[in-house]
Amino acid sequence: MTNIDANHKTAVVTGASRGIGLSIARMLAAEGFRVFGLSRHETHEDNIVFIPCDVTEISSVKNAFDKILDQTGSIDLLVANAGMGISGAAEFAREEEIDRQLAVNLTGAIRCARQVVAPMREKQRGRIVFVSSLGAIFPLPFQSFYSVSKAGINAFSDALGLELRPFGIETCTLLLNDVKTDFTASRIKNIQGDDIYSGRIRASVTKMEISEQHGMEPDQVAAVLGRLLKRRHLPPHYIAGFSNQLLGLLYRLLPTRLMLKILGKIYG
């Protein structure tokens, strides 16, 4: 891959300490970006400047972006990648877990995006990429709040992109399916009510986790993003992986009732 930009543009990646975020940060550094990785966990990596940040706390987000802008004066690319997952029946989900799910995946990404709008607008350029999921368009039973968070990100990205288009700023959601990371082991699982649901909660989540562990590697996701960034313009949405793109085509072609019936057969 040739350098995306030889002038050392500034990129910020959230959730950059491991998995997809770390692979993306490494790719961007290799492509000539000055990369700042935001994470709750302390990490050391050549060519990446890590800044402690909890995207669920507005003061933490503001402090992190203020530090970056003090050092660079501008931000050319934001990759909002930080995320987490919970699973279980919607009726038995604990309030604090629902709040955490939405705070990390949705509100946290929105907070970070809002921090880069003004500096990008002043420069009349910039790109904001949100790491999303096929779960945004294929609602996942027993991971309903995860689907809600990613569907919200898709809608926010589209709306924000329309607002910022006159200023030369583009938004994009990168929709992933199964990726092999420790996201699977970190998922907060709640099997309360599994007896009421005739064992469907445990069976559904187990099937999803097996699929995840046979999914794409994080470096493959980073490579997909690297190719997207070479385009003259970012697409509003992009599904990573050819087989996943076929699923996206089915989503557009199938009636909603039939699509939900198929999802129910697989994961319900």
Protein backbone atom coordinates (compact mmCIF):
# COMPACT_ATOMS: atom_id res chain seq x y z
CA MET A 1 0.00 0.00 0.00
CA THR A 2 1.31 3.46 -0.90
CA ASN A 3 1.12 6.27 1.62
CA ILE A 4 -2.34 7.77 1.92
CA ASP A 5 -0.73 11.15 2.58
CA ALA A 6 2.91 12.09 2.78
CA ASN A 7 2.31 15.20 4.91
CA HIS A 8 1.73 13.34 8.15
CA LYS A 9 -1.92 14.13 8.63
CA THR A 10 -3.33 13.57 12.10
CA ALA A 11 -5.58 10.60 12.84
CA VAL A 12 -7.38 9.74 16.06
CA VAL A 13 -8.55 6.18 16.77
CA THR A 14 -10.75 5.35 19.75
CA GLY A 15 -10.58 1.94 21.41
CA ALA A 16 -7.03 1.70 20.08
CA SER A 17 -5.36 -0.43 22.73
CA ARG A 18 -6.26 -3.79 21.21
CA GLY A 19 -8.17 -5.67 18.53
CA ILE A 20 -9.60 -3.75 15.60
CA GLY A 21 -8.62 -0.34 16.96
CA LEU A 22 -4.97 -1.30 17.43
CA SER A 23 -4.77 -2.81 13.93
CA ILE A 24 -6.29 0.35 12.44
CA ALA A 25 -3.91 2.57 14.40
CA ARG A 26 -0.90 0.55 13.23
CA MET A 27 -2.10 0.69 9.63
CA LEU A 28 -2.56 4.45 9.74
CA ALA A 29 0.88 4.94 11.28
CA ALA A 30 2.41 2.81 8.53
CA GLU A 31 0.59 4.94 5.97
CA GLY A 32 2.19 8.14 7.21
CA PHE A 33 -0.41 9.47 9.62
CA ARG A 34 0.51 10.89 12.99
CA VAL A 35 -1.70 8.62 15.06
CA PHE A 36 -3.24 9.26 18.47
CA GLY A 37 -4.88 6.26 20.11
CA LEU A 38 -7.53 6.80 22.77
CA SER A 39 -8.14 4.06 25.30
CA ARG A 40 -8.98 3.42 28.94
CA HIS A 41 -6.03 1.03 29.12
CA GLU A 42 -2.40 2.13 29.14
CA THR A 43 -0.60 0.87 26.05
CA HIS A 44 2.81 1.39 24.48
CA GLU A 45 3.29 1.08 20.73
CA ASP A 46 5.87 2.49 18.33
CA ASN A 47 4.57 5.36 16.17
CA ILE A 48 1.30 5.70 18.12
CA VAL A 49 0.73 8.27 20.85
CA PHE A 50 -1.71 6.85 23.39
CA ILE A 51 -3.86 9.16 25.49
CA PRO A 52 -6.05 7.88 28.35
CA CYS A 53 -9.71 8.42 27.53
CA ASP A 54 -13.05 7.02 28.63
CA VAL A 55 -15.57 7.86 25.90
CA THR A 56 -18.42 7.59 28.41
CA GLU A 57 -17.13 10.66 30.29
CA ILE A 58 -17.41 13.99 28.49
CA SER A 59 -14.60 15.58 30.52
CA SER A 60 -12.26 12.74 29.59
CA VAL A 61 -13.14 13.09 25.91
CA LYS A 62 -12.67 16.87 25.91
CA ASN A 63 -9.33 16.63 27.71
CA ALA A 64 -8.04 14.04 25.23
CA PHE A 65 -9.00 16.01 22.14
CA ASP A 66 -7.73 19.27 23.65
CA LYS A 67 -4.32 17.62 24.15
CA ILE A 68 -4.27 16.41 20.56
CA LEU A 69 -5.27 19.78 19.13
CA ASP A 70 -2.71 21.56 21.32
CA GLN A 71 0.00 19.40 19.78
CA THR A 72 -1.19 19.30 16.17
CA GLY A 73 -3.57 22.18 15.55
CA SER A 74 -5.82 19.99 13.42
CA ILE A 75 -7.37 16.54 13.09
CA ASP A 76 -7.79 15.07 9.63
CA LEU A 77 -9.31 11.69 10.44
CA LEU A 78 -11.33 10.26 13.31
CA VAL A 79 -12.00 6.54 13.52
CA ALA A 80 -14.66 6.02 16.19
CA ASN A 81 -14.06 2.38 17.01
CA ALA A 82 -14.53 2.00 20.79
CA GLY A 83 -17.24 -0.52 21.53
CA MET A 84 -18.52 -3.21 23.85
CA GLY A 85 -21.31 -5.76 23.86
CA ILE A 86 -23.97 -7.17 26.13
CA SER A 87 -26.26 -10.11 25.48
CA GLY A 88 -29.43 -11.53 26.96
CA ALA A 89 -33.18 -11.15 26.75
CA ALA A 90 -34.27 -7.52 26.48
CA GLU A 91 -36.77 -7.84 29.32
CA PHE A 92 -34.14 -9.07 31.78
CA ALA A 93 -31.32 -6.69 30.81
CA ARG A 94 -29.96 -4.72 33.75
CA GLU A 95 -30.40 -0.97 33.50
CA GLU A 96 -26.73 -0.24 34.18
CA GLU A 97 -25.68 -2.60 31.38
CA ILE A 98 -28.09 -1.00 28.89
CA ASP A 99 -26.75 2.41 29.86
CA ARG A 100 -23.14 1.23 29.44
CA GLN A 101 -23.86 -0.32 26.05
CA LEU A 102 -25.35 2.88 24.66
CA ALA A 103 -22.82 5.12 26.41
CA VAL A 104 -19.84 3.39 24.82
CA ASN A 105 -21.12 2.46 21.38
CA LEU A 106 -23.43 5.36 20.60
CA THR A 107 -23.06 8.37 22.89
CA GLY A 108 -19.29 7.92 23.17
CA ALA A 109 -18.85 7.91 19.41
CA ILE A 110 -21.08 10.98 19.09
CA ARG A 111 -19.06 12.80 21.75
CA CYS A 112 -15.80 12.13 19.92
CA ALA A 113 -17.23 13.16 16.56
CA ARG A 114 -18.48 16.44 17.99
CA GLN A 115 -14.97 17.25 19.20
CA VAL A 116 -13.50 17.12 15.69
CA VAL A 117 -16.24 18.98 13.80
CA ALA A 118 -15.05 22.52 14.56
CA PRO A 119 -11.35 21.97 13.75
CA MET A 120 -12.27 20.09 10.58
CA ARG A 121 -14.74 22.79 9.56
CA GLU A 122 -12.09 25.45 10.03
CA LYS A 123 -9.74 23.54 7.72
CA GLN A 124 -12.60 22.80 5.28
CA ARG A 125 -11.69 19.12 5.21
CA GLY A 126 -11.83 15.97 7.27
CA ARG A 127 -13.09 12.42 7.48
CA ILE A 128 -15.02 10.69 10.26
CA VAL A 129 -15.33 6.90 10.12
CA PHE A 130 -17.60 5.07 12.53
CA VAL A 131 -16.98 1.34 13.05
CA SER A 132 -20.46 -0.16 12.86
CA SER A 133 -21.92 -3.62 12.40
CA LEU A 134 -24.22 -5.66 10.21
CA GLY A 135 -26.19 -5.89 13.45
CA ALA A 136 -27.33 -2.36 12.64
CA ILE A 137 -29.35 -3.60 9.67
CA PHE A 138 -29.92 -7.20 10.80
CA PRO A 139 -31.46 -6.85 14.30
CA LEU A 140 -29.94 -9.50 16.53
CA PRO A 141 -32.17 -11.33 19.01
CA PHE A 142 -30.64 -11.39 22.49
CA GLN A 143 -28.25 -8.61 21.43
CA SER A 144 -30.96 -6.05 20.84
CA PHE A 145 -29.22 -3.15 22.56
CA TYR A 146 -26.05 -3.75 20.58
CA SER A 147 -28.11 -3.55 17.38
CA VAL A 148 -29.78 -0.39 18.67
CA SER A 149 -26.41 1.24 19.35
CA LYS A 150 -25.07 0.45 15.88
CA ALA A 151 -28.28 1.42 14.09
CA GLY A 152 -28.08 4.72 15.93
CA ILE A 153 -24.49 5.21 14.77
CA ASN A 154 -25.52 4.62 11.15
CA ALA A 155 -28.28 7.22 11.42
CA PHE A 156 -26.06 9.73 13.18
CA SER A 157 -23.27 9.32 10.62
CA ASP A 158 -25.68 9.92 7.73
CA ALA A 159 -27.26 12.98 9.35
CA LEU A 160 -23.90 14.42 10.37
CA GLY A 161 -22.55 13.86 6.88
CA LEU A 162 -25.40 15.88 5.39
CA GLU A 163 -24.75 18.72 7.83
CA LEU A 164 -21.02 18.81 7.14
CA ARG A 165 -20.96 18.21 3.38
CA PRO A 166 -20.64 21.96 2.53
CA PHE A 167 -17.45 22.10 4.64
CA GLY A 168 -15.64 19.29 2.82
CA ILE A 169 -16.10 16.82 5.68
CA GLU A 170 -17.17 13.24 4.92
CA THR A 171 -18.64 10.59 7.20
CA CYS A 172 -18.73 6.84 6.70
CA THR A 173 -19.85 3.80 8.64
CA LEU A 174 -17.74 0.66 8.22
CA LEU A 175 -20.09 -2.26 8.83
CA LEU A 176 -18.44 -5.41 10.15
CA ASN A 177 -19.77 -8.89 10.65
CA ASP A 178 -17.78 -11.50 12.59
CA VAL A 179 -14.28 -10.42 13.64
CA LYS A 180 -11.95 -12.57 15.72
CA THR A 181 -11.02 -10.44 18.75
CA ASP A 182 -11.34 -10.52 22.51
CA PHE A 183 -14.62 -8.63 22.08
CA THR A 184 -16.22 -12.08 22.27
CA ALA A 185 -14.72 -12.95 25.66
CA SER A 186 -15.40 -9.43 26.96
CA ARG A 187 -19.12 -9.51 26.14
CA ILE A 188 -21.27 -9.14 29.25
CA LYS A 189 -23.61 -12.14 29.14
CA ASN A 190 -26.88 -12.35 31.02
CA ILE A 191 -28.72 -15.65 30.74
CA GLN A 192 -31.49 -14.71 33.17
CA GLY A 193 -34.77 -16.11 31.88
CA ASP A 194 -33.13 -18.75 29.70
CA ASP A 195 -35.54 -21.31 31.12
CA ILE A 196 -38.48 -19.08 30.18
CA TYR A 197 -37.05 -18.73 26.67
CA SER A 198 -36.56 -22.50 26.40
CA GLY A 199 -32.76 -22.27 26.24
CA ARG A 200 -32.79 -19.90 23.26
CA ILE A 201 -30.68 -17.21 24.95
CA ARG A 202 -27.71 -19.45 25.61
CA ALA A 203 -28.03 -21.21 22.23
CA SER A 204 -28.23 -17.94 20.28
CA VAL A 205 -25.26 -16.28 21.97
CA THR A 206 -23.15 -19.44 21.70
CA LYS A 207 -23.82 -19.62 17.97
CA MET A 208 -22.83 -15.96 17.55
CA GLU A 209 -19.63 -16.42 19.53
CA ILE A 210 -18.57 -19.44 17.49
CA SER A 211 -19.09 -17.41 14.32
CA GLU A 212 -17.05 -14.53 15.72
CA GLN A 213 -14.09 -16.76 16.47
CA HIS A 214 -14.08 -17.89 12.83
CA GLY A 215 -14.43 -14.36 11.51
CA MET A 216 -12.11 -11.82 9.90
CA GLU A 217 -8.81 -10.90 11.51
CA PRO A 218 -8.44 -7.31 12.80
CA ASP A 219 -5.65 -6.69 10.29
CA GLN A 220 -8.07 -7.54 7.48
CA VAL A 221 -10.48 -4.91 8.78
CA ALA A 222 -7.65 -2.37 8.89
CA ALA A 223 -6.71 -3.21 5.31
CA VAL A 224 -10.30 -2.63 4.18
CA LEU A 225 -10.29 0.79 5.84
CA GLY A 226 -6.93 1.59 4.29
CA ARG A 227 -8.35 0.96 0.83
CA LEU A 228 -11.41 3.08 1.59
CA LEU A 229 -9.22 6.00 2.63
CA LYS A 230 -7.52 5.96 -0.75
CA ARG A 231 -10.79 6.75 -2.47
CA ARG A 232 -11.50 10.27 -3.61
CA HIS A 233 -14.72 10.18 -1.58
CA LEU A 234 -15.85 7.91 1.23
CA PRO A 235 -19.07 5.92 0.77
CA PRO A 236 -21.78 6.67 3.37
CA HIS A 237 -21.82 2.98 4.36
CA TYR A 238 -19.38 0.19 3.50
CA ILE A 239 -19.69 -3.49 4.38
CA ALA A 240 -16.35 -5.22 4.94
CA GLY A 241 -15.91 -8.57 3.20
CA PHE A 242 -17.39 -9.92 -0.02
CA SER A 243 -19.63 -12.52 1.64
CA ASN A 244 -20.91 -9.86 4.02
CA GLN A 245 -21.63 -7.58 1.06
CA LEU A 246 -23.84 -10.34 -0.31
CA LEU A 247 -25.73 -10.30 2.98
CA GLY A 248 -26.14 -6.56 2.56
CA LEU A 249 -27.58 -7.16 -0.90
CA LEU A 250 -30.06 -9.64 0.55
CA TYR A 251 -31.08 -7.05 3.14
CA ARG A 252 -31.99 -4.64 0.35
CA LEU A 253 -33.81 -7.26 -1.70
CA LEU A 254 -35.74 -9.28 0.87
CA PRO A 255 -39.05 -8.14 2.37
CA THR A 256 -38.58 -7.25 6.04
CA ARG A 257 -40.93 -10.00 7.21
CA LEU A 258 -38.93 -12.65 5.35
CA MET A 259 -35.59 -11.22 6.54
CA LEU A 260 -36.76 -11.34 10.15
CA LYS A 261 -38.04 -14.89 9.71
CA ILE A 262 -34.63 -16.00 8.45
CA LEU A 263 -32.87 -14.23 11.34
CA GLY A 264 -35.24 -15.97 13.73
CA LYS A 265 -34.35 -19.36 12.25
CA ILE A 266 -30.63 -18.69 12.64
CA TYR A 267 -30.41 -16.83 15.94
CA GLY A 268 -33.88 -16.72 17.47
